[in-house]
Amino acid sequence: MTSHILKCPACGSYGLTEACSCGDVRVTPKPPKYSPEDKYAAYRRKYKEEHPEAMRRPAGGSAAAKPMPPLEAKRQGLR
């Protein structure tokens, strides 16, 4: 049996169990595998048309504006 890492969308914690300590359910953080025969493209386009606010990024949401986690900064020699 193999285990995959899961992430809680509510608190952001990672774990191997589906139940999170915050009470929410953890989900897989990986996007679906790319396929040229995308079976769900029509559903995704329809959802984008019906919910344009869900596809927008928050204001000021650039990656450069967010502070880097300490471990990542250390790897890049910034700390």
N, C-alpha and C. Protein backbone atom coordinates (compact mmCIF):
# COMPACT_ATOMS: atom_id res chain seq x y z
N MET A 1 0.84 -1.18 0.00
CA MET A 1 0.00 0.00 0.00
C MET A 1 0.88 1.24 0.00
N THR A 2 0.63 2.17 -0.90
CA THR A 2 1.40 3.40 -0.95
C THR A 2 0.59 4.55 -0.37
N SER A 3 1.27 5.47 0.25
CA SER A 3 0.61 6.65 0.82
C SER A 3 1.04 7.88 0.04
N HIS A 4 0.12 8.78 -0.14
CA HIS A 4 0.42 10.03 -0.82
C HIS A 4 0.17 11.17 0.15
N ILE A 5 0.95 12.22 0.03
CA ILE A 5 0.81 13.37 0.90
C ILE A 5 -0.49 14.10 0.58
N LEU A 6 -1.16 14.57 1.59
CA LEU A 6 -2.42 15.29 1.45
C LEU A 6 -2.28 16.65 2.12
N LYS A 7 -3.05 17.64 1.64
CA LYS A 7 -3.00 18.99 2.19
C LYS A 7 -4.39 19.44 2.60
N CYS A 8 -4.46 20.07 3.75
CA CYS A 8 -5.73 20.61 4.24
C CYS A 8 -5.95 21.99 3.62
N PRO A 9 -7.06 22.18 2.89
CA PRO A 9 -7.30 23.50 2.29
C PRO A 9 -7.63 24.58 3.33
N ALA A 10 -8.10 24.18 4.51
CA ALA A 10 -8.49 25.17 5.52
C ALA A 10 -7.28 25.74 6.26
N CYS A 11 -6.42 24.86 6.77
CA CYS A 11 -5.30 25.35 7.59
C CYS A 11 -3.95 25.23 6.89
N GLY A 12 -3.88 24.49 5.79
CA GLY A 12 -2.64 24.38 5.03
C GLY A 12 -1.67 23.32 5.53
N SER A 13 -2.07 22.51 6.50
CA SER A 13 -1.18 21.48 7.02
C SER A 13 -1.14 20.27 6.08
N TYR A 14 -0.05 19.55 6.13
CA TYR A 14 0.13 18.36 5.32
C TYR A 14 0.09 17.13 6.21
N GLY A 15 -0.33 16.00 5.65
CA GLY A 15 -0.35 14.75 6.40
C GLY A 15 -0.69 13.58 5.50
N LEU A 16 -0.69 12.40 6.08
CA LEU A 16 -0.99 11.19 5.33
C LEU A 16 -2.42 10.70 5.54
N THR A 17 -3.11 11.25 6.54
CA THR A 17 -4.48 10.85 6.79
C THR A 17 -5.44 11.89 6.20
N GLU A 18 -6.63 11.47 5.86
CA GLU A 18 -7.62 12.39 5.28
C GLU A 18 -8.20 13.33 6.33
N ALA A 19 -8.28 12.90 7.57
CA ALA A 19 -8.83 13.74 8.63
C ALA A 19 -7.74 14.67 9.15
N CYS A 20 -8.05 15.96 9.20
CA CYS A 20 -7.11 16.97 9.69
C CYS A 20 -7.44 17.31 11.14
N SER A 21 -6.47 17.78 11.89
CA SER A 21 -6.70 18.14 13.29
C SER A 21 -7.63 19.35 13.42
N CYS A 22 -7.74 20.17 12.37
CA CYS A 22 -8.63 21.34 12.42
C CYS A 22 -10.09 20.95 12.17
N GLY A 23 -10.33 19.70 11.77
CA GLY A 23 -11.69 19.22 11.55
C GLY A 23 -12.08 19.16 10.08
N ASP A 24 -11.24 19.68 9.19
CA ASP A 24 -11.52 19.64 7.76
C ASP A 24 -10.95 18.35 7.16
N VAL A 25 -11.17 18.15 5.88
CA VAL A 25 -10.68 16.97 5.18
C VAL A 25 -9.52 17.36 4.28
N ARG A 26 -8.42 16.61 4.34
CA ARG A 26 -7.26 16.87 3.49
C ARG A 26 -7.51 16.31 2.09
N VAL A 27 -6.98 17.00 1.08
CA VAL A 27 -7.11 16.59 -0.30
C VAL A 27 -5.73 16.53 -0.94
N THR A 28 -5.62 15.91 -2.09
CA THR A 28 -4.34 15.83 -2.77
C THR A 28 -3.97 17.21 -3.33
N PRO A 29 -2.74 17.67 -3.11
CA PRO A 29 -2.35 19.00 -3.57
C PRO A 29 -1.89 19.04 -5.01
N LYS A 30 -1.81 17.90 -5.66
CA LYS A 30 -1.30 17.85 -7.02
C LYS A 30 -2.42 18.08 -8.04
N PRO A 31 -2.11 18.79 -9.12
CA PRO A 31 -3.12 18.96 -10.17
C PRO A 31 -3.31 17.66 -10.93
N PRO A 32 -4.41 17.52 -11.66
CA PRO A 32 -4.60 16.30 -12.45
C PRO A 32 -3.56 16.17 -13.55
N LYS A 33 -3.28 14.96 -13.93
CA LYS A 33 -2.30 14.68 -14.98
C LYS A 33 -2.76 15.27 -16.32
N TYR A 34 -1.83 15.84 -17.07
CA TYR A 34 -2.16 16.43 -18.37
C TYR A 34 -2.50 15.34 -19.38
N SER A 35 -3.51 15.59 -20.18
CA SER A 35 -3.88 14.67 -21.24
C SER A 35 -4.36 15.48 -22.44
N PRO A 36 -3.88 15.17 -23.64
CA PRO A 36 -4.37 15.88 -24.83
C PRO A 36 -5.87 15.66 -25.05
N GLU A 37 -6.37 14.51 -24.65
CA GLU A 37 -7.81 14.24 -24.74
C GLU A 37 -8.44 14.58 -23.40
N ASP A 38 -8.55 15.87 -23.10
CA ASP A 38 -9.06 16.34 -21.82
C ASP A 38 -10.57 16.14 -21.76
N LYS A 39 -11.00 15.18 -20.94
CA LYS A 39 -12.42 14.85 -20.85
C LYS A 39 -13.22 15.93 -20.12
N TYR A 40 -12.56 16.73 -19.29
CA TYR A 40 -13.28 17.68 -18.45
C TYR A 40 -13.11 19.14 -18.88
N ALA A 41 -12.52 19.39 -20.04
CA ALA A 41 -12.28 20.76 -20.50
C ALA A 41 -13.59 21.53 -20.68
N ALA A 42 -14.60 20.89 -21.20
CA ALA A 42 -15.89 21.56 -21.41
C ALA A 42 -16.50 21.98 -20.07
N TYR A 43 -16.40 21.13 -19.06
CA TYR A 43 -16.92 21.46 -17.73
C TYR A 43 -16.15 22.62 -17.13
N ARG A 44 -14.83 22.62 -17.28
CA ARG A 44 -13.99 23.68 -16.74
C ARG A 44 -14.30 25.02 -17.41
N ARG A 45 -14.46 25.02 -18.73
CA ARG A 45 -14.80 26.26 -19.44
C ARG A 45 -16.17 26.77 -19.02
N LYS A 46 -17.12 25.87 -18.86
CA LYS A 46 -18.46 26.27 -18.44
C LYS A 46 -18.42 26.87 -17.04
N TYR A 47 -17.65 26.28 -16.15
CA TYR A 47 -17.53 26.79 -14.79
C TYR A 47 -16.89 28.17 -14.79
N LYS A 48 -15.87 28.37 -15.63
CA LYS A 48 -15.21 29.68 -15.73
C LYS A 48 -16.18 30.75 -16.21
N GLU A 49 -17.06 30.40 -17.15
CA GLU A 49 -18.05 31.36 -17.65
C GLU A 49 -19.08 31.70 -16.58
N GLU A 50 -19.50 30.71 -15.81
CA GLU A 50 -20.53 30.93 -14.81
C GLU A 50 -19.99 31.55 -13.52
N HIS A 51 -18.70 31.33 -13.22
CA HIS A 51 -18.09 31.82 -11.98
C HIS A 51 -16.78 32.55 -12.28
N PRO A 52 -16.85 33.73 -12.91
CA PRO A 52 -15.60 34.42 -13.25
C PRO A 52 -14.83 34.88 -12.01
N GLU A 53 -15.52 35.11 -10.89
CA GLU A 53 -14.83 35.55 -9.67
C GLU A 53 -13.97 34.44 -9.07
N ALA A 54 -14.31 33.19 -9.33
CA ALA A 54 -13.56 32.07 -8.77
C ALA A 54 -12.21 31.90 -9.47
N MET A 55 -12.08 32.41 -10.68
CA MET A 55 -10.85 32.24 -11.44
C MET A 55 -9.89 33.41 -11.29
N ARG A 56 -10.34 34.50 -10.65
CA ARG A 56 -9.47 35.66 -10.48
C ARG A 56 -8.52 35.45 -9.32
N ARG A 57 -7.32 35.98 -9.47
CA ARG A 57 -6.35 35.94 -8.38
C ARG A 57 -6.61 37.12 -7.47
N PRO A 58 -6.30 36.96 -6.17
CA PRO A 58 -6.50 38.07 -5.25
C PRO A 58 -5.58 39.24 -5.60
N ALA A 59 -6.01 40.45 -5.25
CA ALA A 59 -5.21 41.64 -5.54
C ALA A 59 -3.87 41.56 -4.83
N GLY A 60 -2.82 41.90 -5.55
CA GLY A 60 -1.48 41.85 -4.97
C GLY A 60 -0.99 40.44 -4.72
N GLY A 61 -1.49 39.49 -5.47
CA GLY A 61 -1.16 38.10 -5.23
C GLY A 61 0.05 37.60 -5.99
N SER A 62 0.97 38.47 -6.32
CA SER A 62 2.15 38.01 -7.05
C SER A 62 3.06 37.23 -6.11
N ALA A 63 3.81 36.32 -6.66
CA ALA A 63 4.69 35.48 -5.86
C ALA A 63 5.80 36.31 -5.21
N ALA A 64 6.20 37.41 -5.85
CA ALA A 64 7.28 38.22 -5.30
C ALA A 64 6.85 38.98 -4.06
N ALA A 65 5.55 39.27 -3.92
CA ALA A 65 5.07 40.04 -2.79
C ALA A 65 4.96 39.20 -1.52
N LYS A 66 4.84 37.90 -1.64
CA LYS A 66 4.69 37.04 -0.48
C LYS A 66 6.06 36.69 0.08
N PRO A 67 6.19 36.66 1.41
CA PRO A 67 7.48 36.28 1.99
C PRO A 67 7.76 34.80 1.73
N MET A 68 9.01 34.49 1.51
CA MET A 68 9.41 33.13 1.24
C MET A 68 9.50 32.35 2.54
N PRO A 69 9.13 31.08 2.55
CA PRO A 69 9.32 30.28 3.75
C PRO A 69 10.82 30.24 4.09
N PRO A 70 11.16 30.17 5.38
CA PRO A 70 12.57 30.23 5.78
C PRO A 70 13.45 29.17 5.13
N LEU A 71 12.96 27.96 4.98
CA LEU A 71 13.77 26.90 4.39
C LEU A 71 14.07 27.20 2.93
N GLU A 72 13.09 27.70 2.18
CA GLU A 72 13.29 28.03 0.78
C GLU A 72 14.26 29.20 0.65
N ALA A 73 14.15 30.19 1.51
CA ALA A 73 15.08 31.33 1.48
C ALA A 73 16.49 30.88 1.77
N LYS A 74 16.63 29.95 2.70
CA LYS A 74 17.96 29.44 3.05
C LYS A 74 18.57 28.68 1.88
N ARG A 75 17.75 27.90 1.17
CA ARG A 75 18.24 27.16 0.01
C ARG A 75 18.74 28.10 -1.07
N GLN A 76 18.09 29.24 -1.21
CA GLN A 76 18.48 30.19 -2.25
C GLN A 76 19.57 31.13 -1.77
N GLY A 77 20.05 30.96 -0.55
CA GLY A 77 21.14 31.77 -0.03
C GLY A 77 20.73 33.17 0.36
N LEU A 78 19.45 33.38 0.67
CA LEU A 78 18.98 34.70 1.04
C LEU A 78 19.05 34.96 2.52
N ARG A 79 19.23 33.92 3.30
CA ARG A 79 19.30 34.09 4.77
C ARG A 79 20.53 33.42 5.29
